[in-house]
Amino acid sequence: MNISVKSSRGKGRGVFAEKTFNIDDVIENCPVIVLPKEELRHIDKTVLYDYYYGWGRRPMQKGAIALGFGSLYNNSYHPNAIYKRDARKRCIIIICIRKIIKGEEITINYNGDPKDQTPVWFEMRK
């Protein structure tokens, strides 16, 4: 396996590289379970609130739980990976955007754009 889940200081669990990844390498292809909009209000009251992605053409039209390690990547405003949604294949693809060395935590920007500094819904820990 090229990735693993380990403890991430101050963040709980995180996804870590078990090999070196280069720019544009696909780190993981995660199938998703699509959640209809009417079910999101129920999910928002559970621990799954922090683990689902916005899904659909408009933000938060639907939700999606990523399988594999997809819902365990931690947020960073200086990520080393990006996620892309593929609605047709019902998956989220995690792609390397800068070299990641073996043992390094793999992070994404939850806002979608690696440069987007918009505050997220929780307090960021360093």
C-alpha atoms as a PDB file:
ATOM      1  CA  MET A   1       0.000   0.000   0.000  1.00  0.00           C
ATOM      2  CA  ASN A   2       1.337   3.440  -0.942  1.00  0.00           C
ATOM      3  CA  ILE A   3      -0.503   5.307   1.826  1.00  0.00           C
ATOM      4  CA  SER A   4      -1.490   4.640   5.419  1.00  0.00           C
ATOM      5  CA  VAL A   5      -3.509   6.192   8.215  1.00  0.00           C
ATOM      6  CA  LYS A   6      -1.549   7.270  11.276  1.00  0.00           C
ATOM      7  CA  SER A   7      -1.852   9.668  14.165  1.00  0.00           C
ATOM      8  CA  SER A   8      -1.308  13.281  13.097  1.00  0.00           C
ATOM      9  CA  ARG A   9      -0.075  15.568  15.866  1.00  0.00           C
ATOM     10  CA  GLY A  10      -2.956  17.755  17.054  1.00  0.00           C
ATOM     11  CA  LYS A  11      -5.293  16.599  14.268  1.00  0.00           C
ATOM     12  CA  GLY A  12      -6.314  13.059  15.160  1.00  0.00           C
ATOM     13  CA  ARG A  13      -5.763  10.720  12.243  1.00  0.00           C
ATOM     14  CA  GLY A  14      -4.252  11.634   8.905  1.00  0.00           C
ATOM     15  CA  VAL A  15      -3.106  10.025   5.671  1.00  0.00           C
ATOM     16  CA  PHE A  16       0.646   9.520   5.204  1.00  0.00           C
ATOM     17  CA  ALA A  17       2.823   8.618   2.228  1.00  0.00           C
ATOM     18  CA  GLU A  18       4.474   5.188   2.326  1.00  0.00           C
ATOM     19  CA  LYS A  19       6.466   6.069  -0.810  1.00  0.00           C
ATOM     20  CA  THR A  20       7.558   9.258  -2.562  1.00  0.00           C
ATOM     21  CA  PHE A  21       4.945  10.874  -4.814  1.00  0.00           C
ATOM     22  CA  ASN A  22       5.740  13.284  -7.640  1.00  0.00           C
ATOM     23  CA  ILE A  23       3.630  16.088  -9.101  1.00  0.00           C
ATOM     24  CA  ASP A  24       0.540  14.773 -10.927  1.00  0.00           C
ATOM     25  CA  ASP A  25       0.796  11.288  -9.396  1.00  0.00           C
ATOM     26  CA  VAL A  26      -2.613   9.885  -8.452  1.00  0.00           C
ATOM     27  CA  ILE A  27      -2.381   9.118  -4.750  1.00  0.00           C
ATOM     28  CA  GLU A  28      -5.798   7.535  -4.373  1.00  0.00           C
ATOM     29  CA  ASN A  29      -8.990   7.028  -6.345  1.00  0.00           C
ATOM     30  CA  CYS A  30     -11.816   6.971  -3.798  1.00  0.00           C
ATOM     31  CA  PRO A  31     -15.296   5.704  -4.667  1.00  0.00           C
ATOM     32  CA  VAL A  32     -18.013   7.789  -2.995  1.00  0.00           C
ATOM     33  CA  ILE A  33     -21.434   7.241  -1.533  1.00  0.00           C
ATOM     34  CA  VAL A  34     -23.586  10.154  -2.710  1.00  0.00           C
ATOM     35  CA  LEU A  35     -25.902  11.652  -0.088  1.00  0.00           C
ATOM     36  CA  PRO A  36     -29.074  13.409  -1.303  1.00  0.00           C
ATOM     37  CA  LYS A  37     -29.477  17.010  -0.124  1.00  0.00           C
ATOM     38  CA  GLU A  38     -32.491  16.111   2.015  1.00  0.00           C
ATOM     39  CA  GLU A  39     -30.348  13.664   4.013  1.00  0.00           C
ATOM     40  CA  LEU A  40     -27.512  16.129   4.724  1.00  0.00           C
ATOM     41  CA  ARG A  41     -29.403  17.794   7.578  1.00  0.00           C
ATOM     42  CA  HIS A  42     -29.402  14.424   9.344  1.00  0.00           C
ATOM     43  CA  ILE A  43     -25.708  13.773   8.637  1.00  0.00           C
ATOM     44  CA  ASP A  44     -24.902  17.277   9.929  1.00  0.00           C
ATOM     45  CA  LYS A  45     -26.006  16.125  13.389  1.00  0.00           C
ATOM     46  CA  THR A  46     -23.590  13.173  13.441  1.00  0.00           C
ATOM     47  CA  VAL A  47     -19.826  12.630  13.555  1.00  0.00           C
ATOM     48  CA  LEU A  48     -19.948  12.245   9.761  1.00  0.00           C
ATOM     49  CA  TYR A  49     -20.427  16.043   9.474  1.00  0.00           C
ATOM     50  CA  ASP A  50     -16.642  16.539   9.379  1.00  0.00           C
ATOM     51  CA  TYR A  51     -16.049  13.762   6.859  1.00  0.00           C
ATOM     52  CA  TYR A  52     -18.191  14.448   3.820  1.00  0.00           C
ATOM     53  CA  TYR A  53     -17.491  16.439   0.652  1.00  0.00           C
ATOM     54  CA  GLY A  54     -19.847  18.823  -1.097  1.00  0.00           C
ATOM     55  CA  TRP A  55     -21.163  17.147  -4.241  1.00  0.00           C
ATOM     56  CA  GLY A  56     -23.144  18.303  -7.251  1.00  0.00           C
ATOM     57  CA  ARG A  57     -23.008  21.198  -9.686  1.00  0.00           C
ATOM     58  CA  ARG A  58     -23.851  23.778  -7.023  1.00  0.00           C
ATOM     59  CA  PRO A  59     -22.027  23.828  -3.667  1.00  0.00           C
ATOM     60  CA  MET A  60     -23.709  21.578  -1.142  1.00  0.00           C
ATOM     61  CA  GLN A  61     -26.371  20.441  -3.617  1.00  0.00           C
ATOM     62  CA  LYS A  62     -25.549  16.964  -2.311  1.00  0.00           C
ATOM     63  CA  GLY A  63     -22.872  15.358  -0.181  1.00  0.00           C
ATOM     64  CA  ALA A  64     -20.481  12.456  -0.648  1.00  0.00           C
ATOM     65  CA  ILE A  65     -18.679  10.178   1.782  1.00  0.00           C
ATOM     66  CA  ALA A  66     -15.381   9.127   0.240  1.00  0.00           C
ATOM     67  CA  LEU A  67     -14.427   5.509   0.816  1.00  0.00           C
ATOM     68  CA  GLY A  68     -10.882   4.255   1.147  1.00  0.00           C
ATOM     69  CA  PHE A  69      -8.904   6.941   2.981  1.00  0.00           C
ATOM     70  CA  GLY A  70     -10.680   9.747   1.107  1.00  0.00           C
ATOM     71  CA  SER A  71     -12.515  11.232   4.076  1.00  0.00           C
ATOM     72  CA  LEU A  72      -9.434  11.144   6.338  1.00  0.00           C
ATOM     73  CA  TYR A  73      -7.112  13.620   4.582  1.00  0.00           C
ATOM     74  CA  ASN A  74      -6.453  16.630   6.808  1.00  0.00           C
ATOM     75  CA  ASN A  75      -6.915  20.229   5.703  1.00  0.00           C
ATOM     76  CA  SER A  76      -4.038  22.606   5.006  1.00  0.00           C
ATOM     77  CA  TYR A  77      -3.804  26.079   3.493  1.00  0.00           C
ATOM     78  CA  HIS A  78      -0.465  24.877   2.054  1.00  0.00           C
ATOM     79  CA  PRO A  79      -1.479  21.404   0.819  1.00  0.00           C
ATOM     80  CA  ASN A  80       0.651  18.932  -1.067  1.00  0.00           C
ATOM     81  CA  ALA A  81      -2.328  17.335  -2.828  1.00  0.00           C
ATOM     82  CA  ILE A  82      -5.621  18.334  -4.394  1.00  0.00           C
ATOM     83  CA  TYR A  83      -8.924  16.514  -4.725  1.00  0.00           C
ATOM     84  CA  LYS A  84     -10.995  16.341  -7.890  1.00  0.00           C
ATOM     85  CA  ARG A  85     -14.568  15.130  -8.086  1.00  0.00           C
ATOM     86  CA  ASP A  86     -15.588  12.818 -10.912  1.00  0.00           C
ATOM     87  CA  ALA A  87     -19.381  12.739 -10.859  1.00  0.00           C
ATOM     88  CA  ARG A  88     -19.663  10.332 -13.780  1.00  0.00           C
ATOM     89  CA  LYS A  89     -17.480   7.712 -12.092  1.00  0.00           C
ATOM     90  CA  ARG A  90     -18.735   8.647  -8.601  1.00  0.00           C
ATOM     91  CA  CYS A  91     -15.270   9.087  -7.167  1.00  0.00           C
ATOM     92  CA  ILE A  92     -12.868  11.604  -5.673  1.00  0.00           C
ATOM     93  CA  ILE A  93      -9.315  11.508  -6.963  1.00  0.00           C
ATOM     94  CA  ILE A  94      -6.453  12.666  -4.741  1.00  0.00           C
ATOM     95  CA  ILE A  95      -3.584  14.054  -6.861  1.00  0.00           C
ATOM     96  CA  CYS A  96      -0.094  15.160  -5.807  1.00  0.00           C
ATOM     97  CA  ILE A  97       0.608  18.869  -6.495  1.00  0.00           C
ATOM     98  CA  ARG A  98       4.138  19.021  -5.070  1.00  0.00           C
ATOM     99  CA  LYS A  99       6.674  16.320  -4.259  1.00  0.00           C
ATOM    100  CA  ILE A 100       5.653  14.310  -1.179  1.00  0.00           C
ATOM    101  CA  ILE A 101       8.348  12.265   0.512  1.00  0.00           C
ATOM    102  CA  LYS A 102       7.853   8.922   2.231  1.00  0.00           C
ATOM    103  CA  GLY A 103       6.543   9.475   5.760  1.00  0.00           C
ATOM    104  CA  GLU A 104       5.060  12.921   5.031  1.00  0.00           C
ATOM    105  CA  GLU A 105       1.418  13.641   5.792  1.00  0.00           C
ATOM    106  CA  ILE A 106      -0.704  14.154   2.684  1.00  0.00           C
ATOM    107  CA  THR A 107      -2.973  17.190   3.007  1.00  0.00           C
ATOM    108  CA  ILE A 108      -5.626  18.875   0.872  1.00  0.00           C
ATOM    109  CA  ASN A 109      -7.339  22.253   1.076  1.00  0.00           C
ATOM    110  CA  TYR A 110     -10.948  21.584   2.033  1.00  0.00           C
ATOM    111  CA  ASN A 111     -11.991  24.683   0.057  1.00  0.00           C
ATOM    112  CA  GLY A 112     -11.056  22.842  -3.162  1.00  0.00           C
ATOM    113  CA  ASP A 113      -8.533  25.366  -4.480  1.00  0.00           C
ATOM    114  CA  PRO A 114      -5.054  24.921  -2.954  1.00  0.00           C
ATOM    115  CA  LYS A 115      -4.665  28.724  -2.793  1.00  0.00           C
ATOM    116  CA  ASP A 116      -8.053  29.447  -1.168  1.00  0.00           C
ATOM    117  CA  GLN A 117      -7.458  30.822   2.328  1.00  0.00           C
ATOM    118  CA  THR A 118     -11.162  31.088   3.233  1.00  0.00           C
ATOM    119  CA  PRO A 119     -11.601  29.977   6.863  1.00  0.00           C
ATOM    120  CA  VAL A 120     -13.031  26.494   7.287  1.00  0.00           C
ATOM    121  CA  TRP A 121     -15.776  25.590   9.786  1.00  0.00           C
ATOM    122  CA  PHE A 122     -13.356  24.490  12.518  1.00  0.00           C
ATOM    123  CA  GLU A 123     -10.325  25.937  14.280  1.00  0.00           C
ATOM    124  CA  MET A 124      -7.127  24.999  12.478  1.00  0.00           C
ATOM    125  CA  ARG A 125      -4.373  23.395  14.575  1.00  0.00           C
ATOM    126  CA  LYS A 126      -0.732  23.707  13.675  1.00  0.00           C
END
